Amino acid sequence: AQKSKSTFQKREKEKEKQQKQRDKEAR
């Protein structure tokens, strides 16, 4: 169960990072 939770958190972090990059490029 731990492995799937950390994978999910990692995926969410990566999505946030990509969104931040898109926002920065838009600015």
PDB file of all heavy atoms in Angstrom:
ATOM      1  N   ALA A   1       0.828  -1.206   0.000  1.00  0.00           N
ATOM      2  CA  ALA A   1       0.000   0.000   0.000  1.00  0.00           C
ATOM      3  C   ALA A   1       0.865   1.260   0.000  1.00  0.00           C
ATOM      4  O   ALA A   1       0.522   2.254  -0.614  1.00  0.00           O
ATOM      5  CB  ALA A   1      -0.941   0.010   1.183  1.00  0.00           C
ATOM      6  N   GLN A   2       1.985   1.208   0.683  1.00  0.00           N
ATOM      7  CA  GLN A   2       2.883   2.349   0.738  1.00  0.00           C
ATOM      8  C   GLN A   2       3.405   2.720  -0.655  1.00  0.00           C
ATOM      9  O   GLN A   2       3.526   3.871  -0.983  1.00  0.00           O
ATOM     10  CB  GLN A   2       4.073   2.064   1.667  1.00  0.00           C
ATOM     11  CG  GLN A   2       3.758   2.120   3.131  1.00  0.00           C
ATOM     12  CD  GLN A   2       3.451   3.538   3.559  1.00  0.00           C
ATOM     13  OE1 GLN A   2       2.302   3.941   3.541  1.00  0.00           O
ATOM     14  NE2 GLN A   2       4.477   4.267   3.915  1.00  0.00           N
ATOM     15  N   LYS A   3       3.713   1.730  -1.426  1.00  0.00           N
ATOM     16  CA  LYS A   3       4.303   1.978  -2.733  1.00  0.00           C
ATOM     17  C   LYS A   3       3.343   2.742  -3.641  1.00  0.00           C
ATOM     18  O   LYS A   3       3.733   3.687  -4.313  1.00  0.00           O
ATOM     19  CB  LYS A   3       4.717   0.660  -3.382  1.00  0.00           C
ATOM     20  CG  LYS A   3       5.578   0.832  -4.583  1.00  0.00           C
ATOM     21  CD  LYS A   3       6.187  -0.471  -5.031  1.00  0.00           C
ATOM     22  CE  LYS A   3       7.241  -0.228  -6.070  1.00  0.00           C
ATOM     23  NZ  LYS A   3       7.917  -1.443  -6.452  1.00  0.00           N
ATOM     24  N   SER A   4       2.081   2.383  -3.650  1.00  0.00           N
ATOM     25  CA  SER A   4       1.125   3.074  -4.504  1.00  0.00           C
ATOM     26  C   SER A   4       0.891   4.508  -4.031  1.00  0.00           C
ATOM     27  O   SER A   4       0.695   5.408  -4.821  1.00  0.00           O
ATOM     28  CB  SER A   4      -0.196   2.321  -4.586  1.00  0.00           C
ATOM     29  OG  SER A   4      -0.809   2.288  -3.314  1.00  0.00           O
ATOM     30  N   LYS A   5       0.916   4.711  -2.695  1.00  0.00           N
ATOM     31  CA  LYS A   5       0.726   6.061  -2.160  1.00  0.00           C
ATOM     32  C   LYS A   5       1.872   6.969  -2.586  1.00  0.00           C
ATOM     33  O   LYS A   5       1.661   8.097  -3.034  1.00  0.00           O
ATOM     34  CB  LYS A   5       0.620   6.014  -0.643  1.00  0.00           C
ATOM     35  CG  LYS A   5       0.352   7.368  -0.038  1.00  0.00           C
ATOM     36  CD  LYS A   5       0.195   7.296   1.457  1.00  0.00           C
ATOM     37  CE  LYS A   5      -0.030   8.662   2.045  1.00  0.00           C
ATOM     38  NZ  LYS A   5      -0.094   8.644   3.489  1.00  0.00           N
ATOM     39  N   SER A   6       3.097   6.495  -2.456  1.00  0.00           N
ATOM     40  CA  SER A   6       4.233   7.328  -2.824  1.00  0.00           C
ATOM     41  C   SER A   6       4.249   7.584  -4.337  1.00  0.00           C
ATOM     42  O   SER A   6       4.622   8.670  -4.772  1.00  0.00           O
ATOM     43  CB  SER A   6       5.543   6.705  -2.364  1.00  0.00           C
ATOM     44  OG  SER A   6       5.766   5.478  -3.014  1.00  0.00           O
ATOM     45  N   THR A   7       3.828   6.605  -5.118  1.00  0.00           N
ATOM     46  CA  THR A   7       3.770   6.783  -6.562  1.00  0.00           C
ATOM     47  C   THR A   7       2.724   7.836  -6.914  1.00  0.00           C
ATOM     48  O   THR A   7       2.955   8.693  -7.760  1.00  0.00           O
ATOM     49  CB  THR A   7       3.437   5.454  -7.261  1.00  0.00           C
ATOM     50  OG1 THR A   7       4.427   4.505  -6.911  1.00  0.00           O
ATOM     51  CG2 THR A   7       3.417   5.621  -8.761  1.00  0.00           C
ATOM     52  N   PHE A   8       1.588   7.781  -6.224  1.00  0.00           N
ATOM     53  CA  PHE A   8       0.549   8.771  -6.455  1.00  0.00           C
ATOM     54  C   PHE A   8       1.046  10.168  -6.084  1.00  0.00           C
ATOM     55  O   PHE A   8       0.843  11.132  -6.830  1.00  0.00           O
ATOM     56  CB  PHE A   8      -0.696   8.423  -5.632  1.00  0.00           C
ATOM     57  CG  PHE A   8      -1.789   9.438  -5.749  1.00  0.00           C
ATOM     58  CD1 PHE A   8      -2.557   9.522  -6.899  1.00  0.00           C
ATOM     59  CD2 PHE A   8      -2.032  10.338  -4.720  1.00  0.00           C
ATOM     60  CE1 PHE A   8      -3.559  10.477  -7.013  1.00  0.00           C
ATOM     61  CE2 PHE A   8      -3.020  11.290  -4.821  1.00  0.00           C
ATOM     62  CZ  PHE A   8      -3.794  11.363  -5.974  1.00  0.00           C
ATOM     63  N   GLN A   9       1.713  10.276  -4.938  1.00  0.00           N
ATOM     64  CA  GLN A   9       2.251  11.575  -4.516  1.00  0.00           C
ATOM     65  C   GLN A   9       3.289  12.081  -5.506  1.00  0.00           C
ATOM     66  O   GLN A   9       3.326  13.270  -5.826  1.00  0.00           O
ATOM     67  CB  GLN A   9       2.863  11.463  -3.125  1.00  0.00           C
ATOM     68  CG  GLN A   9       1.839  11.296  -2.032  1.00  0.00           C
ATOM     69  CD  GLN A   9       2.477  11.027  -0.684  1.00  0.00           C
ATOM     70  OE1 GLN A   9       3.632  10.613  -0.612  1.00  0.00           O
ATOM     71  NE2 GLN A   9       1.714  11.254   0.376  1.00  0.00           N
ATOM     72  N   LYS A  10       4.112  11.201  -5.995  1.00  0.00           N
ATOM     73  CA  LYS A  10       5.133  11.586  -6.961  1.00  0.00           C
ATOM     74  C   LYS A  10       4.474  12.080  -8.247  1.00  0.00           C
ATOM     75  O   LYS A  10       4.889  13.092  -8.824  1.00  0.00           O
ATOM     76  CB  LYS A  10       6.047  10.394  -7.262  1.00  0.00           C
ATOM     77  CG  LYS A  10       7.195  10.736  -8.165  1.00  0.00           C
ATOM     78  CD  LYS A  10       8.136   9.554  -8.341  1.00  0.00           C
ATOM     79  CE  LYS A  10       9.296   9.911  -9.233  1.00  0.00           C
ATOM     80  NZ  LYS A  10      10.207   8.783  -9.421  1.00  0.00           N
ATOM     81  N   ARG A  11       3.437  11.406  -8.682  1.00  0.00           N
ATOM     82  CA  ARG A  11       2.713  11.800  -9.884  1.00  0.00           C
ATOM     83  C   ARG A  11       2.081  13.187  -9.702  1.00  0.00           C
ATOM     84  O   ARG A  11       2.136  14.036 -10.584  1.00  0.00           O
ATOM     85  CB  ARG A  11       1.645  10.763 -10.221  1.00  0.00           C
ATOM     86  CG  ARG A  11       1.024  10.970 -11.580  1.00  0.00           C
ATOM     87  CD  ARG A  11       0.024   9.874 -11.946  1.00  0.00           C
ATOM     88  NE  ARG A  11       0.622   8.546 -11.854  1.00  0.00           N
ATOM     89  CZ  ARG A  11       0.136   7.539 -11.131  1.00  0.00           C
ATOM     90  NH1 ARG A  11      -0.959   7.701 -10.413  1.00  0.00           N
ATOM     91  NH2 ARG A  11       0.717   6.366 -11.118  1.00  0.00           N
ATOM     92  N   GLU A  12       1.500  13.426  -8.512  1.00  0.00           N
ATOM     93  CA  GLU A  12       0.896  14.729  -8.219  1.00  0.00           C
ATOM     94  C   GLU A  12       1.950  15.831  -8.201  1.00  0.00           C
ATOM     95  O   GLU A  12       1.727  16.918  -8.729  1.00  0.00           O
ATOM     96  CB  GLU A  12       0.161  14.680  -6.876  1.00  0.00           C
ATOM     97  CG  GLU A  12      -1.123  13.887  -6.905  1.00  0.00           C
ATOM     98  CD  GLU A  12      -2.136  14.459  -7.871  1.00  0.00           C
ATOM     99  OE1 GLU A  12      -2.394  15.667  -7.809  1.00  0.00           O
ATOM    100  OE2 GLU A  12      -2.649  13.689  -8.702  1.00  0.00           O
ATOM    101  N   LYS A  13       3.105  15.556  -7.620  1.00  0.00           N
ATOM    102  CA  LYS A  13       4.195  16.529  -7.605  1.00  0.00           C
ATOM    103  C   LYS A  13       4.627  16.868  -9.027  1.00  0.00           C
ATOM    104  O   LYS A  13       4.891  18.020  -9.359  1.00  0.00           O
ATOM    105  CB  LYS A  13       5.404  15.987  -6.841  1.00  0.00           C
ATOM    106  CG  LYS A  13       5.393  16.246  -5.385  1.00  0.00           C
ATOM    107  CD  LYS A  13       6.723  15.782  -4.795  1.00  0.00           C
ATOM    108  CE  LYS A  13       6.918  16.278  -3.402  1.00  0.00           C
ATOM    109  NZ  LYS A  13       8.182  15.843  -2.821  1.00  0.00           N
ATOM    110  N   GLU A  14       4.723  15.831  -9.851  1.00  0.00           N
ATOM    111  CA  GLU A  14       5.148  16.036 -11.238  1.00  0.00           C
ATOM    112  C   GLU A  14       4.117  16.879 -11.998  1.00  0.00           C
ATOM    113  O   GLU A  14       4.482  17.758 -12.783  1.00  0.00           O
ATOM    114  CB  GLU A  14       5.346  14.684 -11.922  1.00  0.00           C
ATOM    115  CG  GLU A  14       6.084  14.757 -13.226  1.00  0.00           C
ATOM    116  CD  GLU A  14       7.503  15.280 -13.091  1.00  0.00           C
ATOM    117  OE1 GLU A  14       8.158  15.038 -12.062  1.00  0.00           O
ATOM    118  OE2 GLU A  14       7.965  15.951 -14.030  1.00  0.00           O
ATOM    119  N   LYS A  15       2.829  16.644 -11.753  1.00  0.00           N
ATOM    120  CA  LYS A  15       1.779  17.449 -12.388  1.00  0.00           C
ATOM    121  C   LYS A  15       1.890  18.902 -11.960  1.00  0.00           C
ATOM    122  O   LYS A  15       1.762  19.815 -12.778  1.00  0.00           O
ATOM    123  CB  LYS A  15       0.394  16.912 -12.027  1.00  0.00           C
ATOM    124  CG  LYS A  15       0.001  15.650 -12.741  1.00  0.00           C
ATOM    125  CD  LYS A  15      -1.391  15.208 -12.307  1.00  0.00           C
ATOM    126  CE  LYS A  15      -1.791  13.896 -12.931  1.00  0.00           C
ATOM    127  NZ  LYS A  15      -3.132  13.469 -12.476  1.00  0.00           N
ATOM    128  N   GLU A  16       2.116  19.130 -10.659  1.00  0.00           N
ATOM    129  CA  GLU A  16       2.273  20.496 -10.153  1.00  0.00           C
ATOM    130  C   GLU A  16       3.481  21.176 -10.788  1.00  0.00           C
ATOM    131  O   GLU A  16       3.423  22.354 -11.146  1.00  0.00           O
ATOM    132  CB  GLU A  16       2.432  20.476  -8.629  1.00  0.00           C
ATOM    133  CG  GLU A  16       1.165  20.123  -7.883  1.00  0.00           C
ATOM    134  CD  GLU A  16       1.398  19.978  -6.389  1.00  0.00           C
ATOM    135  OE1 GLU A  16       2.491  20.357  -5.899  1.00  0.00           O
ATOM    136  OE2 GLU A  16       0.486  19.487  -5.710  1.00  0.00           O
ATOM    137  N   LYS A  17       4.566  20.437 -10.916  1.00  0.00           N
ATOM    138  CA  LYS A  17       5.781  20.979 -11.519  1.00  0.00           C
ATOM    139  C   LYS A  17       5.529  21.372 -12.979  1.00  0.00           C
ATOM    140  O   LYS A  17       5.941  22.445 -13.425  1.00  0.00           O
ATOM    141  CB  LYS A  17       6.894  19.935 -11.434  1.00  0.00           C
ATOM    142  CG  LYS A  17       8.229  20.406 -11.927  1.00  0.00           C
ATOM    143  CD  LYS A  17       9.287  19.327 -11.748  1.00  0.00           C
ATOM    144  CE  LYS A  17      10.624  19.763 -12.270  1.00  0.00           C
ATOM    145  NZ  LYS A  17      11.648  18.715 -12.136  1.00  0.00           N
ATOM    146  N   GLN A  18       4.836  20.515 -13.716  1.00  0.00           N
ATOM    147  CA  GLN A  18       4.535  20.811 -15.113  1.00  0.00           C
ATOM    148  C   GLN A  18       3.605  22.019 -15.234  1.00  0.00           C
ATOM    149  O   GLN A  18       3.790  22.864 -16.111  1.00  0.00           O
ATOM    150  CB  GLN A  18       3.916  19.591 -15.785  1.00  0.00           C
ATOM    151  CG  GLN A  18       4.899  18.468 -16.008  1.00  0.00           C
ATOM    152  CD  GLN A  18       4.231  17.203 -16.526  1.00  0.00           C
ATOM    153  OE1 GLN A  18       3.008  17.105 -16.577  1.00  0.00           O
ATOM    154  NE2 GLN A  18       5.049  16.223 -16.888  1.00  0.00           N
ATOM    155  N   GLN A  19       2.614  22.118 -14.337  1.00  0.00           N
ATOM    156  CA  GLN A  19       1.704  23.260 -14.356  1.00  0.00           C
ATOM    157  C   GLN A  19       2.462  24.551 -14.057  1.00  0.00           C
ATOM    158  O   GLN A  19       2.235  25.574 -14.698  1.00  0.00           O
ATOM    159  CB  GLN A  19       0.569  23.068 -13.343  1.00  0.00           C
ATOM    160  CG  GLN A  19      -0.449  24.183 -13.359  1.00  0.00           C
ATOM    161  CD  GLN A  19      -1.155  24.310 -14.695  1.00  0.00           C
ATOM    162  OE1 GLN A  19      -1.518  23.320 -15.312  1.00  0.00           O
ATOM    163  NE2 GLN A  19      -1.323  25.531 -15.144  1.00  0.00           N
ATOM    164  N   LYS A  20       3.368  24.495 -13.115  1.00  0.00           N
ATOM    165  CA  LYS A  20       4.175  25.666 -12.769  1.00  0.00           C
ATOM    166  C   LYS A  20       5.022  26.096 -13.972  1.00  0.00           C
ATOM    167  O   LYS A  20       5.149  27.283 -14.252  1.00  0.00           O
ATOM    168  CB  LYS A  20       5.070  25.335 -11.573  1.00  0.00           C
ATOM    169  CG  LYS A  20       5.823  26.515 -11.037  1.00  0.00           C
ATOM    170  CD  LYS A  20       6.598  26.149  -9.782  1.00  0.00           C
ATOM    171  CE  LYS A  20       7.383  27.331  -9.269  1.00  0.00           C
ATOM    172  NZ  LYS A  20       8.168  27.001  -8.072  1.00  0.00           N
ATOM    173  N   GLN A  21       5.581  25.126 -14.697  1.00  0.00           N
ATOM    174  CA  GLN A  21       6.375  25.437 -15.889  1.00  0.00           C
ATOM    175  C   GLN A  21       5.501  26.086 -16.961  1.00  0.00           C
ATOM    176  O   GLN A  21       5.917  27.042 -17.617  1.00  0.00           O
ATOM    177  CB  GLN A  21       7.033  24.175 -16.440  1.00  0.00           C
ATOM    178  CG  GLN A  21       8.172  23.662 -15.594  1.00  0.00           C
ATOM    179  CD  GLN A  21       8.711  22.318 -16.076  1.00  0.00           C
ATOM    180  OE1 GLN A  21       8.061  21.605 -16.825  1.00  0.00           O
ATOM    181  NE2 GLN A  21       9.908  21.992 -15.626  1.00  0.00           N
ATOM    182  N   ARG A  22       4.265  25.585 -17.131  1.00  0.00           N
ATOM    183  CA  ARG A  22       3.349  26.174 -18.125  1.00  0.00           C
ATOM    184  C   ARG A  22       2.975  27.604 -17.732  1.00  0.00           C
ATOM    185  O   ARG A  22       2.947  28.498 -18.583  1.00  0.00           O
ATOM    186  CB  ARG A  22       2.093  25.319 -18.266  1.00  0.00           C
ATOM    187  CG  ARG A  22       2.311  24.054 -19.074  1.00  0.00           C
ATOM    188  CD  ARG A  22       1.001  23.372 -19.418  1.00  0.00           C
ATOM    189  NE  ARG A  22       0.311  22.877 -18.235  1.00  0.00           N
ATOM    190  CZ  ARG A  22       0.395  21.633 -17.776  1.00  0.00           C
ATOM    191  NH1 ARG A  22       1.123  20.750 -18.423  1.00  0.00           N
ATOM    192  NH2 ARG A  22      -0.264  21.281 -16.701  1.00  0.00           N
ATOM    193  N   ASP A  23       2.717  27.808 -16.437  1.00  0.00           N
ATOM    194  CA  ASP A  23       2.385  29.151 -15.960  1.00  0.00           C
ATOM    195  C   ASP A  23       3.547  30.117 -16.175  1.00  0.00           C
ATOM    196  O   ASP A  23       3.363  31.253 -16.603  1.00  0.00           O
ATOM    197  CB  ASP A  23       2.018  29.121 -14.475  1.00  0.00           C
ATOM    198  CG  ASP A  23       0.726  28.375 -14.201  1.00  0.00           C
ATOM    199  OD1 ASP A  23      -0.061  28.147 -15.153  1.00  0.00           O
ATOM    200  OD2 ASP A  23       0.492  28.017 -13.024  1.00  0.00           O
ATOM    201  N   LYS A  24       4.744  29.647 -15.894  1.00  0.00           N
ATOM    202  CA  LYS A  24       5.936  30.469 -16.052  1.00  0.00           C
ATOM    203  C   LYS A  24       6.138  30.835 -17.535  1.00  0.00           C
ATOM    204  O   LYS A  24       6.447  31.979 -17.863  1.00  0.00           O
ATOM    205  CB  LYS A  24       7.158  29.717 -15.521  1.00  0.00           C
ATOM    206  CG  LYS A  24       8.395  30.541 -15.401  1.00  0.00           C
ATOM    207  CD  LYS A  24       9.484  29.749 -14.689  1.00  0.00           C
ATOM    208  CE  LYS A  24      10.723  30.574 -14.483  1.00  0.00           C
ATOM    209  NZ  LYS A  24      11.771  29.825 -13.770  1.00  0.00           N
ATOM    210  N   GLU A  25       5.947  29.872 -18.401  1.00  0.00           N
ATOM    211  CA  GLU A  25       6.080  30.131 -19.844  1.00  0.00           C
ATOM    212  C   GLU A  25       5.022  31.122 -20.308  1.00  0.00           C
ATOM    213  O   GLU A  25       5.301  32.013 -21.119  1.00  0.00           O
ATOM    214  CB  GLU A  25       5.979  28.820 -20.627  1.00  0.00           C
ATOM    215  CG  GLU A  25       6.216  28.990 -22.118  1.00  0.00           C
ATOM    216  CD  GLU A  25       7.609  29.482 -22.463  1.00  0.00           C
ATOM    217  OE1 GLU A  25       8.550  29.230 -21.696  1.00  0.00           O
ATOM    218  OE2 GLU A  25       7.745  30.149 -23.511  1.00  0.00           O
ATOM    219  N   ALA A  26       3.800  31.015 -19.778  1.00  0.00           N
ATOM    220  CA  ALA A  26       2.735  31.955 -20.139  1.00  0.00           C
ATOM    221  C   ALA A  26       3.103  33.371 -19.685  1.00  0.00           C
ATOM    222  O   ALA A  26       2.875  34.341 -20.417  1.00  0.00           O
ATOM    223  CB  ALA A  26       1.418  31.520 -19.511  1.00  0.00           C
ATOM    224  N   ARG A  27       3.676  33.499 -18.478  1.00  0.00           N
ATOM    225  CA  ARG A  27       4.112  34.823 -17.998  1.00  0.00           C
ATOM    226  C   ARG A  27       5.207  35.381 -18.891  1.00  0.00           C
ATOM    227  O   ARG A  27       5.226  36.579 -19.191  1.00  0.00           O
ATOM    228  CB  ARG A  27       4.606  34.734 -16.554  1.00  0.00           C
ATOM    229  CG  ARG A  27       3.500  34.611 -15.539  1.00  0.00           C
ATOM    230  CD  ARG A  27       3.997  34.847 -14.118  1.00  0.00           C
ATOM    231  NE  ARG A  27       5.168  34.063 -13.758  1.00  0.00           N
ATOM    232  CZ  ARG A  27       5.147  32.857 -13.200  1.00  0.00           C
ATOM    233  NH1 ARG A  27       3.988  32.277 -12.953  1.00  0.00           N
ATOM    234  NH2 ARG A  27       6.254  32.235 -12.885  1.00  0.00           N
TER     235      ARG A  27
END
